[in-house]
Amino acid sequence: MRERKGLEYLLESFLFGARWLVAPFYIGLVLALVMLLGSFCYELYEGLIVHFALDPESVILLVLSLIDLSLAANLVIIVVFSGYENFVSKIDTHGDVDRPAWMGTLDFSGLKMKLIGSIVAISVISLLRAFMELAKTGAEMDPKKLSWLIGLHMTFLASGVFFALMDWIASKSEETGKKHHLKPEP
């Protein structure tokens, strides 16, 4: 019986330590964040220096591109911080006042909702950018491409609604389960 405890302890220690295999993924996402920063700087450089234009459509398209990249960068940060804290280890910021309020409080369900919300926001910006391109004089949009953009956006939106609905149903069933397991007061 004693040997089983030792074997069980070793197995559980091994499995618990295996969570560190996920850490390189978060390092890769930080490198992707650097790539997003490079793309952001390039877009800004192109818009301000190379193709400097003050017509409203060009400025709006540039701003939409920058917002799109910013949302993607925010999404990466959310995934890195909450994923690392939920699945690998708590991040000790030594009480830093700049620690985001959501750090350490965002569970997998919350992460999933933020993820789908960001994807929907990025999708709507891409769709808006496509419509802005249509507004330019002489610009033509491929109807197939436009249909795909709208279809994908609606799919992302419906997925977000379904995820939220599933989380709501799960929270209600957890509440019901807790109510039924309560011990009656004497």
Protein backbone atom coordinates (compact mmCIF):
# COMPACT_ATOMS: atom_id res chain seq x y z
CA MET A 1 0.00 0.00 0.00
CA ARG A 2 2.88 2.37 0.79
CA GLU A 3 4.42 1.81 -2.67
CA ARG A 4 1.18 2.87 -4.36
CA LYS A 5 1.26 6.16 -2.51
CA GLY A 6 4.84 6.76 -3.66
CA LEU A 7 4.02 5.83 -7.25
CA GLU A 8 0.90 7.95 -7.17
CA TYR A 9 2.90 10.89 -5.79
CA LEU A 10 5.52 10.54 -8.54
CA LEU A 11 2.90 10.33 -11.28
CA GLU A 12 1.00 13.34 -9.95
CA SER A 13 4.22 15.33 -9.55
CA PHE A 14 5.19 14.46 -13.12
CA LEU A 15 1.75 15.45 -14.47
CA PHE A 16 1.72 18.68 -12.46
CA GLY A 17 5.22 19.57 -13.68
CA ALA A 18 4.19 18.90 -17.28
CA ARG A 19 2.27 22.17 -17.24
CA TRP A 20 5.60 23.90 -17.92
CA LEU A 21 5.55 22.43 -21.42
CA VAL A 22 3.00 25.13 -22.24
CA ALA A 23 5.34 27.99 -21.26
CA PRO A 24 7.18 28.05 -24.64
CA PHE A 25 3.83 28.69 -26.34
CA TYR A 26 3.46 31.89 -24.32
CA ILE A 27 7.01 32.92 -25.22
CA GLY A 28 6.07 32.36 -28.88
CA LEU A 29 3.00 34.56 -28.42
CA VAL A 30 5.20 37.32 -26.96
CA LEU A 31 7.35 37.06 -30.11
CA ALA A 32 4.14 37.32 -32.17
CA LEU A 33 3.36 40.46 -30.17
CA VAL A 34 6.71 41.88 -31.31
CA MET A 35 5.67 41.06 -34.89
CA LEU A 36 2.37 42.89 -34.37
CA LEU A 37 4.30 45.90 -33.06
CA GLY A 38 6.49 45.82 -36.18
CA SER A 39 3.40 45.66 -38.38
CA PHE A 40 1.80 48.53 -36.42
CA CYS A 41 4.93 50.70 -36.87
CA TYR A 42 5.09 49.81 -40.57
CA GLU A 43 1.42 50.74 -41.11
CA LEU A 44 1.95 54.01 -39.27
CA TYR A 45 5.11 54.77 -41.28
CA GLU A 46 3.36 53.93 -44.57
CA GLY A 47 0.36 56.07 -43.67
CA LEU A 48 2.22 59.08 -42.33
CA ILE A 49 5.39 59.19 -44.41
CA VAL A 50 5.04 57.22 -47.66
CA HIS A 51 1.37 57.69 -48.60
CA PHE A 52 0.59 60.81 -46.62
CA ALA A 53 -2.95 61.74 -47.54
CA LEU A 54 -5.51 63.73 -45.66
CA ASP A 55 -8.60 62.56 -47.47
CA PRO A 56 -11.05 61.23 -44.88
CA GLU A 57 -11.34 57.74 -46.35
CA SER A 58 -7.55 57.16 -46.28
CA VAL A 59 -7.24 58.45 -42.72
CA ILE A 60 -10.16 56.31 -41.55
CA LEU A 61 -8.70 53.22 -43.26
CA LEU A 62 -5.33 53.85 -41.59
CA VAL A 63 -6.97 54.31 -38.19
CA LEU A 64 -9.02 51.14 -38.68
CA SER A 65 -5.86 49.20 -39.54
CA LEU A 66 -4.12 50.52 -36.43
CA ILE A 67 -7.13 49.70 -34.24
CA ASP A 68 -7.25 46.22 -35.75
CA LEU A 69 -3.58 45.63 -34.86
CA SER A 70 -4.10 47.10 -31.39
CA LEU A 71 -7.02 44.76 -30.70
CA ALA A 72 -4.98 41.78 -31.88
CA ALA A 73 -2.10 42.84 -29.58
CA ASN A 74 -4.49 43.21 -26.63
CA LEU A 75 -5.88 39.78 -27.38
CA VAL A 76 -2.38 38.27 -27.33
CA ILE A 77 -1.63 39.91 -23.96
CA ILE A 78 -4.89 38.61 -22.48
CA VAL A 79 -4.15 35.08 -23.71
CA VAL A 80 -0.54 35.17 -22.48
CA PHE A 81 -1.30 36.53 -19.01
CA SER A 82 -4.47 34.62 -18.24
CA GLY A 83 -3.33 31.42 -19.94
CA TYR A 84 -0.04 31.42 -18.08
CA GLU A 85 -1.72 32.18 -14.76
CA ASN A 86 -4.51 29.63 -15.27
CA PHE A 87 -2.41 26.77 -16.60
CA VAL A 88 1.24 27.27 -15.62
CA SER A 89 1.98 29.50 -12.62
CA LYS A 90 0.85 32.68 -10.91
CA ILE A 91 2.72 35.78 -12.03
CA ASP A 92 4.21 37.53 -9.02
CA THR A 93 4.25 41.27 -9.75
CA HIS A 94 5.32 42.13 -6.18
CA GLY A 95 2.24 44.29 -5.64
CA ASP A 96 2.96 46.49 -8.69
CA VAL A 97 0.23 49.14 -8.99
CA ASP A 98 0.27 48.74 -12.78
CA ARG A 99 -0.90 45.12 -12.58
CA PRO A 100 -4.09 44.88 -14.67
CA ALA A 101 -7.18 44.42 -12.47
CA TRP A 102 -8.34 41.36 -14.45
CA MET A 103 -5.04 39.48 -13.96
CA GLY A 104 -5.53 36.48 -11.73
CA THR A 105 -9.31 36.77 -11.90
CA LEU A 106 -9.96 35.74 -15.50
CA ASP A 107 -10.88 32.06 -15.62
CA PHE A 108 -11.08 29.88 -18.73
CA SER A 109 -14.68 30.88 -19.36
CA GLY A 110 -13.85 34.57 -19.10
CA LEU A 111 -10.82 34.10 -21.35
CA LYS A 112 -13.00 32.36 -23.92
CA MET A 113 -15.51 35.24 -23.87
CA LYS A 114 -12.78 37.89 -24.21
CA LEU A 115 -11.24 35.90 -27.03
CA ILE A 116 -14.46 35.60 -29.03
CA GLY A 117 -15.31 39.25 -28.28
CA SER A 118 -11.94 40.35 -29.67
CA ILE A 119 -12.35 38.15 -32.73
CA VAL A 120 -15.79 39.66 -33.40
CA ALA A 121 -14.35 43.18 -32.98
CA ILE A 122 -11.46 42.42 -35.36
CA SER A 123 -13.91 40.90 -37.83
CA VAL A 124 -16.20 43.93 -37.76
CA ILE A 125 -13.22 46.24 -38.33
CA SER A 126 -12.17 44.15 -41.35
CA LEU A 127 -15.71 44.34 -42.65
CA LEU A 128 -15.84 48.09 -42.08
CA ARG A 129 -12.49 48.47 -43.86
CA ALA A 130 -13.90 46.54 -46.84
CA PHE A 131 -16.94 48.82 -46.96
CA MET A 132 -14.69 51.89 -46.70
CA GLU A 133 -12.74 50.57 -49.70
CA LEU A 134 -16.06 50.38 -51.56
CA ALA A 135 -16.75 54.01 -50.69
CA LYS A 136 -13.58 55.13 -52.48
CA THR A 137 -14.24 56.43 -55.96
CA GLY A 138 -13.65 53.83 -58.61
CA ALA A 139 -12.96 51.05 -56.11
CA GLU A 140 -14.61 47.71 -56.76
CA MET A 141 -15.08 44.90 -54.29
CA ASP A 142 -15.33 41.30 -55.30
CA PRO A 143 -18.90 40.23 -54.36
CA LYS A 144 -17.62 36.78 -53.34
CA LYS A 145 -15.06 38.32 -50.99
CA LEU A 146 -17.68 40.61 -49.49
CA SER A 147 -20.04 37.67 -48.99
CA TRP A 148 -17.29 35.71 -47.27
CA LEU A 149 -16.46 38.64 -44.98
CA ILE A 150 -20.10 39.06 -43.97
CA GLY A 151 -20.59 35.29 -43.57
CA LEU A 152 -17.48 34.94 -41.40
CA HIS A 153 -18.45 37.91 -39.27
CA MET A 154 -21.94 36.47 -38.73
CA THR A 155 -20.38 33.10 -37.87
CA PHE A 156 -18.07 34.72 -35.28
CA LEU A 157 -20.98 36.70 -33.88
CA ALA A 158 -23.21 33.62 -33.63
CA SER A 159 -20.36 31.67 -32.02
CA GLY A 160 -19.97 34.41 -29.41
CA VAL A 161 -23.68 34.33 -28.63
CA PHE A 162 -23.63 30.52 -28.35
CA PHE A 163 -20.54 30.59 -26.10
CA ALA A 164 -22.23 33.15 -23.85
CA LEU A 165 -25.41 31.06 -23.80
CA MET A 166 -23.47 27.89 -22.90
CA ASP A 167 -21.65 29.71 -20.09
CA TRP A 168 -24.95 31.08 -18.80
CA ILE A 169 -26.55 27.61 -18.85
CA ALA A 170 -23.49 26.11 -17.12
CA SER A 171 -23.58 28.78 -14.40
CA LYS A 172 -27.30 28.17 -13.83
CA SER A 173 -26.78 24.40 -13.58
CA GLU A 174 -23.90 24.97 -11.10
CA GLU A 175 -26.18 27.20 -9.00
CA THR A 176 -28.90 24.55 -9.08
CA GLY A 177 -26.40 21.83 -8.13
CA LYS A 178 -25.15 23.88 -5.19
CA LYS A 179 -28.68 24.50 -3.94
CA HIS A 180 -29.48 20.77 -3.97
CA HIS A 181 -26.27 19.85 -2.12
CA LEU A 182 -26.78 22.29 0.73
CA LYS A 183 -27.34 20.69 4.09
CA PRO A 184 -30.60 21.66 5.77
CA GLU A 185 -30.23 23.89 8.79
CA PRO A 186 -31.20 22.32 12.14
